[in-house]
């Protein structure tokens, strides 16, 4: 309390121009403090916005890359769908896979339609495959020129020769539905 009274007494004793200068100096300091505070607040706000936008940009770049990959896969699938001819069937695809000398049984199943494509199903039984031949078969079906899908795969080893496998594949040949003409 004594200091405050002392400062007030000193302020009354000083002349008017000096008090005016001191008041203007204090106002100037308060103005600078307010300006500094508002500028740092604006800078902090801009920094937060920049960080958010950078993270959004990174997410958009990942989405763009994913979109391009999906577009490429879609184009590849459309190209594969375009290669399917009217006389193609799952049996013909298995013949093209080239398992000569192996007993192959092909049984057609009822196909299904899904969103603009038709699946032509067949159950294929192959006896006496080696593991390497099975891997080659699966690779040819998945990466071949015709769009095929394996619905089910059953692999059994033989009792007489455990190195040989009996394979039952339920596969579908996918073909695009032809638009109906009216």
N, C-alpha and C. Protein backbone atom coordinates (compact mmCIF):
# COMPACT_ATOMS: atom_id res chain seq x y z
N UNK A 1 0.81 -1.18 0.00
CA UNK A 1 0.00 0.00 0.00
C UNK A 1 0.86 1.26 0.00
N UNK A 2 1.95 1.20 0.75
CA UNK A 2 2.79 2.39 0.85
C UNK A 2 3.40 2.74 -0.50
N UNK A 3 3.75 1.73 -1.25
CA UNK A 3 4.35 2.01 -2.56
C UNK A 3 3.34 2.66 -3.49
N UNK A 4 2.11 2.17 -3.48
CA UNK A 4 1.07 2.75 -4.32
C UNK A 4 0.82 4.21 -3.94
N UNK A 5 0.76 4.46 -2.65
CA UNK A 5 0.57 5.84 -2.20
C UNK A 5 1.76 6.71 -2.59
N UNK A 6 2.95 6.10 -2.52
CA UNK A 6 4.15 6.85 -2.89
C UNK A 6 4.12 7.20 -4.38
N UNK A 7 3.72 6.22 -5.22
CA UNK A 7 3.67 6.47 -6.67
C UNK A 7 2.60 7.52 -7.00
N UNK A 8 1.44 7.44 -6.33
CA UNK A 8 0.40 8.43 -6.58
C UNK A 8 0.86 9.82 -6.16
N UNK A 9 1.55 9.92 -5.06
CA UNK A 9 2.07 11.22 -4.59
C UNK A 9 3.10 11.75 -5.57
N UNK A 10 3.97 10.89 -6.07
CA UNK A 10 4.98 11.32 -7.04
C UNK A 10 4.32 11.77 -8.34
N UNK A 11 3.23 11.07 -8.73
CA UNK A 11 2.52 11.45 -9.94
C UNK A 11 1.87 12.81 -9.82
N UNK A 12 1.39 13.17 -8.62
CA UNK A 12 0.77 14.47 -8.42
C UNK A 12 1.81 15.59 -8.40
N UNK A 13 2.99 15.23 -7.95
CA UNK A 13 4.05 16.25 -7.86
C UNK A 13 4.69 16.57 -9.21
N UNK A 14 4.64 15.63 -10.17
CA UNK A 14 5.28 15.88 -11.47
C UNK A 14 4.41 16.82 -12.28
N UNK A 15 5.07 17.49 -13.22
CA UNK A 15 4.33 18.45 -14.05
C UNK A 15 3.50 17.72 -15.11
N UNK A 16 2.58 18.43 -15.69
CA UNK A 16 1.61 17.87 -16.61
C UNK A 16 2.26 17.26 -17.86
N UNK A 17 3.20 17.89 -18.56
CA UNK A 17 3.80 17.27 -19.75
C UNK A 17 4.53 15.96 -19.44
N UNK A 18 5.13 15.84 -18.29
CA UNK A 18 5.83 14.61 -17.93
C UNK A 18 4.82 13.49 -17.69
N UNK A 19 3.74 13.84 -16.95
CA UNK A 19 2.70 12.84 -16.74
C UNK A 19 2.09 12.39 -18.06
N UNK A 20 1.91 13.31 -18.99
CA UNK A 20 1.36 12.99 -20.32
C UNK A 20 2.30 12.05 -21.07
N UNK A 21 3.60 12.30 -21.00
CA UNK A 21 4.59 11.43 -21.66
C UNK A 21 4.57 10.03 -21.04
N UNK A 22 4.51 9.97 -19.71
CA UNK A 22 4.46 8.67 -19.05
C UNK A 22 3.17 7.93 -19.43
N UNK A 23 2.07 8.60 -19.48
CA UNK A 23 0.80 7.98 -19.86
C UNK A 23 0.83 7.47 -21.30
N UNK A 24 1.40 8.29 -22.20
CA UNK A 24 1.51 7.87 -23.59
C UNK A 24 2.44 6.66 -23.73
N UNK A 25 3.49 6.64 -22.94
CA UNK A 25 4.41 5.50 -22.96
C UNK A 25 3.73 4.22 -22.49
N UNK A 26 2.93 4.35 -21.41
CA UNK A 26 2.20 3.19 -20.90
C UNK A 26 1.17 2.71 -21.92
N UNK A 27 0.44 3.67 -22.54
CA UNK A 27 -0.54 3.30 -23.57
C UNK A 27 0.16 2.63 -24.74
N UNK A 28 1.32 3.16 -25.12
CA UNK A 28 2.08 2.56 -26.23
C UNK A 28 2.50 1.13 -25.88
N UNK A 29 2.96 0.90 -24.65
CA UNK A 29 3.35 -0.45 -24.23
C UNK A 29 2.15 -1.39 -24.23
N UNK A 30 1.00 -0.90 -23.74
CA UNK A 30 -0.21 -1.73 -23.76
C UNK A 30 -0.63 -2.04 -25.20
N UNK A 31 -0.55 -1.04 -26.08
CA UNK A 31 -0.89 -1.25 -27.49
C UNK A 31 0.04 -2.29 -28.11
N UNK A 32 1.35 -2.20 -27.84
CA UNK A 32 2.31 -3.18 -28.38
C UNK A 32 2.04 -4.58 -27.83
N UNK A 33 1.67 -4.68 -26.55
CA UNK A 33 1.37 -5.99 -25.96
C UNK A 33 0.13 -6.60 -26.63
N UNK A 34 -0.91 -5.76 -26.86
CA UNK A 34 -2.13 -6.26 -27.51
C UNK A 34 -1.82 -6.66 -28.95
N UNK A 35 -1.03 -5.85 -29.66
CA UNK A 35 -0.68 -6.17 -31.05
C UNK A 35 0.13 -7.47 -31.11
N UNK A 36 1.09 -7.61 -30.20
CA UNK A 36 1.91 -8.82 -30.17
C UNK A 36 1.04 -10.05 -29.88
N UNK A 37 0.13 -9.92 -28.94
CA UNK A 37 -0.76 -11.02 -28.58
C UNK A 37 -1.64 -11.42 -29.76
N UNK A 38 -2.22 -10.44 -30.44
CA UNK A 38 -3.09 -10.77 -31.58
C UNK A 38 -2.29 -11.35 -32.74
N UNK A 39 -1.09 -10.86 -32.97
CA UNK A 39 -0.25 -11.39 -34.05
C UNK A 39 0.16 -12.82 -33.75
N UNK A 40 0.58 -13.11 -32.52
CA UNK A 40 0.97 -14.50 -32.19
C UNK A 40 -0.24 -15.43 -32.25
N UNK A 41 -1.41 -14.93 -31.86
CA UNK A 41 -2.63 -15.74 -31.98
C UNK A 41 -2.94 -16.07 -33.43
N UNK A 42 -2.79 -15.06 -34.30
CA UNK A 42 -3.04 -15.30 -35.72
C UNK A 42 -2.02 -16.27 -36.31
N UNK A 43 -0.77 -16.14 -35.89
CA UNK A 43 0.28 -17.04 -36.39
C UNK A 43 0.00 -18.46 -35.91
N UNK A 44 -0.39 -18.62 -34.65
CA UNK A 44 -0.73 -19.96 -34.14
C UNK A 44 -1.90 -20.56 -34.90
N UNK A 45 -2.90 -19.73 -35.19
CA UNK A 45 -4.07 -20.20 -35.94
C UNK A 45 -3.66 -20.64 -37.35
N UNK A 46 -2.82 -19.85 -38.01
CA UNK A 46 -2.34 -20.20 -39.35
C UNK A 46 -1.49 -21.47 -39.31
N UNK A 47 -0.70 -21.63 -38.26
CA UNK A 47 0.13 -22.83 -38.14
C UNK A 47 -0.75 -24.07 -37.99
N UNK A 48 -1.81 -23.97 -37.17
CA UNK A 48 -2.73 -25.09 -37.02
C UNK A 48 -3.41 -25.41 -38.35
N UNK A 49 -3.83 -24.38 -39.08
CA UNK A 49 -4.46 -24.60 -40.38
C UNK A 49 -3.49 -25.26 -41.36
N UNK A 50 -2.24 -24.84 -41.33
CA UNK A 50 -1.24 -25.42 -42.23
C UNK A 50 -1.03 -26.90 -41.93
N UNK A 51 -0.94 -27.24 -40.65
CA UNK A 51 -0.74 -28.64 -40.28
C UNK A 51 -1.94 -29.48 -40.71
N UNK A 52 -3.15 -28.96 -40.50
CA UNK A 52 -4.36 -29.68 -40.91
C UNK A 52 -4.38 -29.86 -42.43
N UNK A 53 -4.06 -28.82 -43.16
CA UNK A 53 -4.09 -28.91 -44.62
C UNK A 53 -3.00 -29.84 -45.15
N UNK A 54 -1.84 -29.85 -44.50
CA UNK A 54 -0.80 -30.78 -44.92
C UNK A 54 -1.25 -32.23 -44.71
N UNK A 55 -1.90 -32.50 -43.58
CA UNK A 55 -2.38 -33.86 -43.35
C UNK A 55 -3.48 -34.22 -44.35
N UNK A 56 -4.37 -33.27 -44.67
CA UNK A 56 -5.40 -33.52 -45.67
C UNK A 56 -4.78 -33.75 -47.04
N UNK A 57 -3.73 -33.00 -47.35
CA UNK A 57 -3.05 -33.17 -48.63
C UNK A 57 -2.40 -34.55 -48.72
N UNK A 58 -1.79 -35.00 -47.64
CA UNK A 58 -1.19 -36.33 -47.64
C UNK A 58 -2.27 -37.40 -47.83
N UNK A 59 -3.40 -37.22 -47.16
CA UNK A 59 -4.50 -38.17 -47.31
C UNK A 59 -5.04 -38.16 -48.74
N UNK A 60 -5.14 -36.97 -49.32
CA UNK A 60 -5.61 -36.87 -50.70
C UNK A 60 -4.62 -37.51 -51.67
N UNK A 61 -3.34 -37.37 -51.40
CA UNK A 61 -2.33 -37.99 -52.27
C UNK A 61 -2.44 -39.52 -52.19
N UNK A 62 -2.67 -40.03 -50.97
CA UNK A 62 -2.85 -41.48 -50.83
C UNK A 62 -4.11 -41.94 -51.55
N UNK A 63 -5.19 -41.16 -51.41
CA UNK A 63 -6.43 -41.51 -52.11
C UNK A 63 -6.25 -41.44 -53.62
N UNK A 64 -5.49 -40.46 -54.09
CA UNK A 64 -5.24 -40.35 -55.53
C UNK A 64 -4.47 -41.57 -56.03
N UNK A 65 -3.46 -41.99 -55.27
CA UNK A 65 -2.69 -43.16 -55.67
C UNK A 65 -3.57 -44.41 -55.66
N UNK A 66 -4.40 -44.52 -54.65
CA UNK A 66 -5.31 -45.66 -54.58
C UNK A 66 -6.30 -45.64 -55.74
N UNK A 67 -6.81 -44.45 -56.06
CA UNK A 67 -7.74 -44.30 -57.19
C UNK A 67 -7.06 -44.73 -58.49
N UNK A 68 -5.82 -44.27 -58.70
CA UNK A 68 -5.11 -44.64 -59.93
C UNK A 68 -4.88 -46.14 -60.01
N UNK A 69 -4.54 -46.76 -58.87
CA UNK A 69 -4.35 -48.22 -58.87
C UNK A 69 -5.65 -48.94 -59.18
N UNK A 70 -6.75 -48.49 -58.56
CA UNK A 70 -8.04 -49.13 -58.82
C UNK A 70 -8.49 -48.90 -60.26
N UNK A 71 -8.20 -47.72 -60.80
CA UNK A 71 -8.55 -47.44 -62.19
C UNK A 71 -7.77 -48.36 -63.12
N UNK A 72 -6.50 -48.56 -62.82
CA UNK A 72 -5.67 -49.45 -63.63
C UNK A 72 -6.20 -50.88 -63.57
N UNK A 73 -6.55 -51.34 -62.35
CA UNK A 73 -7.11 -52.69 -62.21
C UNK A 73 -8.44 -52.80 -62.95
N UNK A 74 -9.26 -51.76 -62.88
CA UNK A 74 -10.55 -51.76 -63.57
C UNK A 74 -10.35 -51.85 -65.07
N UNK A 75 -9.41 -51.10 -65.60
CA UNK A 75 -9.13 -51.15 -67.03
C UNK A 75 -8.62 -52.52 -67.45
N UNK A 76 -7.77 -53.12 -66.60
CA UNK A 76 -7.29 -54.46 -66.91
C UNK A 76 -8.44 -55.46 -66.92
N UNK A 77 -9.36 -55.34 -65.94
CA UNK A 77 -10.51 -56.24 -65.90
C UNK A 77 -11.41 -56.02 -67.11
N UNK A 78 -11.62 -54.77 -67.48
CA UNK A 78 -12.45 -54.50 -68.67
C UNK A 78 -11.79 -55.08 -69.92
N UNK A 79 -10.47 -54.98 -70.01
CA UNK A 79 -9.77 -55.58 -71.16
C UNK A 79 -9.92 -57.10 -71.14
N UNK A 80 -9.85 -57.70 -69.94
CA UNK A 80 -10.02 -59.14 -69.85
C UNK A 80 -11.45 -59.54 -70.19
N UNK A 81 -12.42 -58.72 -69.75
CA UNK A 81 -13.82 -59.02 -70.08
C UNK A 81 -14.06 -58.93 -71.59
N UNK A 82 -13.35 -58.03 -72.25
CA UNK A 82 -13.52 -57.87 -73.70
C UNK A 82 -12.98 -59.07 -74.47
N UNK A 83 -12.07 -59.84 -73.86
CA UNK A 83 -11.49 -60.98 -74.57
C UNK A 83 -12.38 -62.22 -74.54
N UNK A 84 -13.43 -62.20 -73.71
CA UNK A 84 -14.31 -63.36 -73.61
C UNK A 84 -15.19 -63.44 -74.86
N UNK A 85 -15.15 -64.59 -75.51
CA UNK A 85 -15.95 -64.81 -76.72
C UNK A 85 -17.20 -65.60 -76.35
N UNK A 86 -18.12 -65.67 -77.27
CA UNK A 86 -19.38 -66.37 -77.02
C UNK A 86 -19.17 -67.86 -76.80
N UNK A 87 -18.15 -68.45 -77.45
CA UNK A 87 -17.96 -69.90 -77.32
C UNK A 87 -17.00 -70.28 -76.19
N UNK A 88 -16.54 -69.30 -75.40
CA UNK A 88 -15.67 -69.61 -74.26
C UNK A 88 -16.49 -70.21 -73.14
N UNK A 89 -15.85 -71.13 -72.42
CA UNK A 89 -16.50 -71.78 -71.28
C UNK A 89 -15.41 -72.15 -70.27
N UNK A 90 -15.80 -72.46 -69.03
CA UNK A 90 -14.79 -72.89 -68.06
C UNK A 90 -14.05 -74.15 -68.51
N UNK A 91 -14.77 -75.06 -69.22
CA UNK A 91 -14.11 -76.27 -69.72
C UNK A 91 -13.01 -75.95 -70.72
N UNK A 92 -13.29 -75.02 -71.62
CA UNK A 92 -12.29 -74.63 -72.61
C UNK A 92 -11.07 -73.98 -71.94
N UNK A 93 -11.34 -73.19 -70.91
CA UNK A 93 -10.23 -72.55 -70.18
C UNK A 93 -9.35 -73.60 -69.53
N UNK A 94 -9.97 -74.64 -68.97
CA UNK A 94 -9.19 -75.71 -68.35
C UNK A 94 -8.40 -76.49 -69.41
N UNK A 95 -8.98 -76.66 -70.60
CA UNK A 95 -8.25 -77.32 -71.68
C UNK A 95 -7.05 -76.49 -72.09
N UNK A 96 -7.24 -75.17 -72.13
CA UNK A 96 -6.14 -74.28 -72.49
C UNK A 96 -5.06 -74.25 -71.42
N UNK A 97 -5.42 -74.59 -70.17
CA UNK A 97 -4.42 -74.63 -69.10
C UNK A 97 -3.40 -75.73 -69.37
N UNK A 98 -3.77 -76.74 -70.15
CA UNK A 98 -2.81 -77.72 -70.65
C UNK A 98 -2.43 -78.80 -69.68
N UNK A 99 -3.38 -79.55 -69.16
CA UNK A 99 -3.06 -80.70 -68.32
C UNK A 99 -3.31 -81.96 -69.12
N UNK A 100 -2.36 -82.29 -69.95
CA UNK A 100 -2.48 -83.47 -70.80
C UNK A 100 -2.10 -84.70 -69.98
N UNK A 101 -2.84 -85.75 -70.20
CA UNK A 101 -2.54 -86.99 -69.50
C UNK A 101 -3.12 -87.05 -68.10
N UNK A 102 -3.80 -86.04 -67.67
CA UNK A 102 -4.41 -86.04 -66.34
C UNK A 102 -5.90 -86.22 -66.51
N UNK A 103 -6.52 -87.05 -65.70
CA UNK A 103 -7.97 -87.20 -65.80
C UNK A 103 -8.68 -85.93 -65.31
N UNK A 104 -9.43 -85.32 -66.20
CA UNK A 104 -10.13 -84.07 -65.89
C UNK A 104 -11.62 -84.31 -66.11
N UNK A 105 -12.41 -83.97 -65.11
CA UNK A 105 -13.87 -84.06 -65.22
C UNK A 105 -14.42 -82.65 -65.05
N UNK A 106 -15.27 -82.24 -65.99
CA UNK A 106 -15.86 -80.91 -65.94
C UNK A 106 -17.37 -81.06 -65.89
N UNK A 107 -17.96 -80.44 -64.86
CA UNK A 107 -19.42 -80.52 -64.71
C UNK A 107 -19.96 -79.09 -64.66
N UNK A 108 -20.77 -78.68 -65.64
CA UNK A 108 -21.32 -77.32 -65.62
C UNK A 108 -22.33 -77.16 -64.48
N UNK A 109 -22.35 -75.97 -63.90
CA UNK A 109 -23.29 -75.63 -62.84
C UNK A 109 -24.11 -74.43 -63.27
N UNK A 110 -25.14 -74.15 -62.51
CA UNK A 110 -26.00 -73.01 -62.83
C UNK A 110 -25.24 -71.71 -62.56
N UNK A 111 -25.23 -70.82 -63.54
CA UNK A 111 -24.55 -69.54 -63.41
C UNK A 111 -25.38 -68.50 -62.67
N UNK A 112 -24.75 -67.42 -62.34
CA UNK A 112 -25.40 -66.33 -61.62
C UNK A 112 -25.12 -65.01 -62.33
N UNK A 113 -25.98 -64.04 -62.07
CA UNK A 113 -25.78 -62.69 -62.60
C UNK A 113 -25.59 -61.73 -61.44
N UNK A 114 -24.57 -60.88 -61.54
CA UNK A 114 -24.28 -59.88 -60.51
C UNK A 114 -23.92 -58.57 -61.18
N UNK A 115 -24.71 -57.56 -60.99
CA UNK A 115 -24.36 -56.19 -61.40
C UNK A 115 -23.74 -56.04 -62.77
N UNK A 116 -24.38 -56.52 -63.80
CA UNK A 116 -23.88 -56.29 -65.15
C UNK A 116 -22.93 -57.34 -65.67
N UNK A 117 -22.63 -58.37 -64.86
CA UNK A 117 -21.78 -59.46 -65.32
C UNK A 117 -22.47 -60.79 -65.04
N UNK A 118 -22.14 -61.77 -65.85
CA UNK A 118 -22.71 -63.11 -65.69
C UNK A 118 -21.56 -64.06 -65.37
N UNK A 119 -21.80 -64.92 -64.39
CA UNK A 119 -20.82 -65.94 -64.02
C UNK A 119 -21.28 -67.27 -64.58
N UNK A 120 -20.43 -67.88 -65.37
CA UNK A 120 -20.70 -69.22 -65.89
C UNK A 120 -19.90 -70.20 -65.04
N UNK A 121 -20.59 -70.95 -64.20
CA UNK A 121 -19.94 -71.82 -63.22
C UNK A 121 -19.70 -73.22 -63.76
N UNK A 122 -18.62 -73.83 -63.25
CA UNK A 122 -18.34 -75.23 -63.57
C UNK A 122 -17.51 -75.82 -62.42
N UNK A 123 -17.73 -77.11 -62.18
CA UNK A 123 -16.93 -77.81 -61.19
C UNK A 123 -15.94 -78.69 -61.95
N UNK A 124 -14.67 -78.51 -61.66
CA UNK A 124 -13.62 -79.21 -62.39
C UNK A 124 -12.87 -80.09 -61.40
N UNK A 125 -12.74 -81.38 -61.74
CA UNK A 125 -11.99 -82.32 -60.90
C UNK A 125 -10.78 -82.79 -61.69
N UNK A 126 -9.64 -82.67 -61.08
CA UNK A 126 -8.38 -83.12 -61.70
C UNK A 126 -7.70 -84.04 -60.71
N UNK A 127 -7.33 -85.22 -61.16
CA UNK A 127 -6.69 -86.21 -60.29
C UNK A 127 -5.21 -86.29 -60.62
N UNK A 128 -4.40 -86.49 -59.59
CA UNK A 128 -2.98 -86.78 -59.75
C UNK A 128 -2.10 -85.57 -60.06
N UNK A 129 -2.42 -84.41 -59.54
CA UNK A 129 -1.57 -83.24 -59.74
C UNK A 129 -0.47 -83.18 -58.69
N UNK A 130 0.67 -82.65 -59.08
CA UNK A 130 1.69 -82.35 -58.09
C UNK A 130 1.41 -80.96 -57.53
N UNK A 131 2.08 -80.62 -56.44
CA UNK A 131 1.87 -79.30 -55.83
C UNK A 131 2.29 -78.20 -56.80
N UNK A 132 3.35 -78.41 -57.56
CA UNK A 132 3.81 -77.41 -58.52
C UNK A 132 2.78 -77.21 -59.63
N UNK A 133 2.20 -78.31 -60.13
CA UNK A 133 1.17 -78.20 -61.16
C UNK A 133 -0.07 -77.47 -60.63
N UNK A 134 -0.41 -77.71 -59.37
CA UNK A 134 -1.54 -77.00 -58.76
C UNK A 134 -1.27 -75.50 -58.68
N UNK A 135 -0.07 -75.14 -58.28
CA UNK A 135 0.28 -73.71 -58.21
C UNK A 135 0.23 -73.10 -59.61
N UNK A 136 0.75 -73.81 -60.61
CA UNK A 136 0.70 -73.32 -61.98
C UNK A 136 -0.74 -73.15 -62.47
N UNK A 137 -1.60 -74.12 -62.13
CA UNK A 137 -3.01 -74.03 -62.50
C UNK A 137 -3.66 -72.80 -61.87
N UNK A 138 -3.45 -72.62 -60.59
CA UNK A 138 -4.05 -71.46 -59.91
C UNK A 138 -3.53 -70.15 -60.49
N UNK A 139 -2.26 -70.11 -60.82
CA UNK A 139 -1.69 -68.89 -61.42
C UNK A 139 -2.29 -68.64 -62.79
N UNK A 140 -2.44 -69.67 -63.60
CA UNK A 140 -3.02 -69.50 -64.94
C UNK A 140 -4.47 -69.06 -64.88
N UNK A 141 -5.20 -69.59 -63.91
CA UNK A 141 -6.60 -69.18 -63.77
C UNK A 141 -6.72 -67.73 -63.31
N UNK A 142 -5.87 -67.35 -62.37
CA UNK A 142 -5.97 -65.99 -61.82
C UNK A 142 -5.40 -64.94 -62.76
N UNK A 143 -4.28 -65.22 -63.39
CA UNK A 143 -3.59 -64.22 -64.21
C UNK A 143 -3.77 -64.44 -65.70
N UNK A 144 -4.57 -65.39 -66.08
CA UNK A 144 -4.77 -65.69 -67.49
C UNK A 144 -5.50 -64.59 -68.22
N UNK A 145 -5.64 -64.73 -69.55
CA UNK A 145 -6.29 -63.68 -70.34
C UNK A 145 -7.79 -63.60 -70.13
N UNK A 146 -8.41 -64.67 -69.66
CA UNK A 146 -9.86 -64.68 -69.44
C UNK A 146 -10.15 -64.40 -67.97
N UNK A 147 -11.18 -63.62 -67.70
CA UNK A 147 -11.51 -63.31 -66.30
C UNK A 147 -12.22 -64.49 -65.62
N UNK A 148 -11.53 -65.13 -64.71
CA UNK A 148 -12.09 -66.26 -63.97
C UNK A 148 -12.00 -65.99 -62.48
N UNK A 149 -12.91 -66.65 -61.75
CA UNK A 149 -12.93 -66.54 -60.29
C UNK A 149 -13.04 -67.95 -59.74
N UNK A 150 -12.24 -68.24 -58.73
CA UNK A 150 -12.36 -69.53 -58.06
C UNK A 150 -13.32 -69.35 -56.89
N UNK A 151 -14.41 -70.07 -56.92
CA UNK A 151 -15.40 -69.99 -55.86
C UNK A 151 -15.03 -70.91 -54.71
N UNK A 152 -14.50 -72.08 -55.08
CA UNK A 152 -14.17 -73.06 -54.05
C UNK A 152 -13.01 -73.90 -54.56
N UNK A 153 -12.13 -74.28 -53.66
CA UNK A 153 -10.99 -75.11 -54.00
C UNK A 153 -10.86 -76.19 -52.93
N UNK A 154 -10.88 -77.43 -53.35
CA UNK A 154 -10.75 -78.55 -52.43
C UNK A 154 -9.54 -79.37 -52.89
N UNK A 155 -8.58 -79.54 -52.01
CA UNK A 155 -7.36 -80.27 -52.33
C UNK A 155 -7.24 -81.45 -51.37
N UNK A 156 -7.09 -82.65 -51.94
CA UNK A 156 -6.92 -83.86 -51.13
C UNK A 156 -5.66 -84.57 -51.58
N UNK A 157 -4.91 -85.08 -50.63
CA UNK A 157 -3.75 -85.90 -51.01
C UNK A 157 -4.23 -87.33 -51.19
N UNK A 158 -3.51 -88.08 -52.01
CA UNK A 158 -3.90 -89.46 -52.30
C UNK A 158 -3.27 -90.40 -51.27
N UNK A 159 -3.97 -91.50 -51.01
CA UNK A 159 -3.43 -92.47 -50.07
C UNK A 159 -2.30 -93.27 -50.69
N UNK A 160 -2.44 -93.61 -51.98
CA UNK A 160 -1.43 -94.43 -52.64
C UNK A 160 -0.14 -93.66 -52.93
N UNK A 161 -0.23 -92.33 -53.18
CA UNK A 161 0.95 -91.49 -53.45
C UNK A 161 0.70 -90.11 -52.84
N UNK A 162 1.20 -89.84 -51.62
CA UNK A 162 0.92 -88.56 -50.96
C UNK A 162 1.47 -87.34 -51.71
N UNK A 163 2.37 -87.55 -52.66
CA UNK A 163 2.90 -86.43 -53.43
C UNK A 163 1.91 -85.96 -54.49
N UNK A 164 0.94 -86.79 -54.80
CA UNK A 164 -0.08 -86.45 -55.80
C UNK A 164 -1.32 -85.92 -55.10
N UNK A 165 -1.99 -84.97 -55.75
CA UNK A 165 -3.15 -84.33 -55.17
C UNK A 165 -4.36 -84.48 -56.09
N UNK A 166 -5.52 -84.68 -55.48
CA UNK A 166 -6.77 -84.66 -56.21
C UNK A 166 -7.41 -83.30 -55.92
N UNK A 167 -7.72 -82.55 -56.97
CA UNK A 167 -8.18 -81.16 -56.82
C UNK A 167 -9.58 -81.03 -57.40
N UNK A 168 -10.43 -80.36 -56.64
CA UNK A 168 -11.76 -80.01 -57.12
C UNK A 168 -11.88 -78.49 -57.04
N UNK A 169 -12.09 -77.87 -58.20
CA UNK A 169 -12.18 -76.42 -58.29
C UNK A 169 -13.57 -76.05 -58.79
N UNK A 170 -14.25 -75.20 -58.05
CA UNK A 170 -15.48 -74.61 -58.56
C UNK A 170 -15.09 -73.24 -59.06
N UNK A 171 -15.14 -73.06 -60.36
CA UNK A 171 -14.67 -71.81 -60.96
C UNK A 171 -15.77 -71.17 -61.78
N UNK A 172 -15.63 -69.88 -61.98
CA UNK A 172 -16.61 -69.13 -62.77
C UNK A 172 -15.89 -68.32 -63.83
N UNK A 173 -16.41 -68.39 -65.03
CA UNK A 173 -15.96 -67.52 -66.11
C UNK A 173 -16.87 -66.30 -66.09
N UNK A 174 -16.28 -65.13 -66.03
CA UNK A 174 -17.07 -63.90 -65.95
C UNK A 174 -17.17 -63.29 -67.33
N UNK A 175 -18.40 -62.99 -67.72
CA UNK A 175 -18.61 -62.31 -69.00
C UNK A 175 -19.57 -61.16 -68.79
N UNK A 176 -19.37 -60.11 -69.57
CA UNK A 176 -20.23 -58.93 -69.49
C UNK A 176 -21.58 -59.26 -70.10
N UNK A 177 -22.62 -58.78 -69.45
CA UNK A 177 -23.97 -58.97 -70.00
C UNK A 177 -24.16 -58.06 -71.20
N UNK A 178 -24.77 -58.59 -72.22
CA UNK A 178 -25.06 -57.79 -73.40
C UNK A 178 -26.31 -56.95 -73.12
N UNK A 179 -26.28 -55.66 -73.44
CA UNK A 179 -27.47 -54.85 -73.23
C UNK A 179 -28.59 -55.30 -74.15
N UNK A 180 -29.80 -55.37 -73.59
CA UNK A 180 -30.94 -55.84 -74.38
C UNK A 180 -31.36 -54.77 -75.36
N UNK A 181 -31.64 -55.20 -76.61
CA UNK A 181 -32.07 -54.27 -77.65
C UNK A 181 -33.60 -54.25 -77.67
N UNK A 182 -34.17 -53.08 -77.76
CA UNK A 182 -35.63 -52.95 -77.77
C UNK A 182 -36.10 -52.48 -79.11
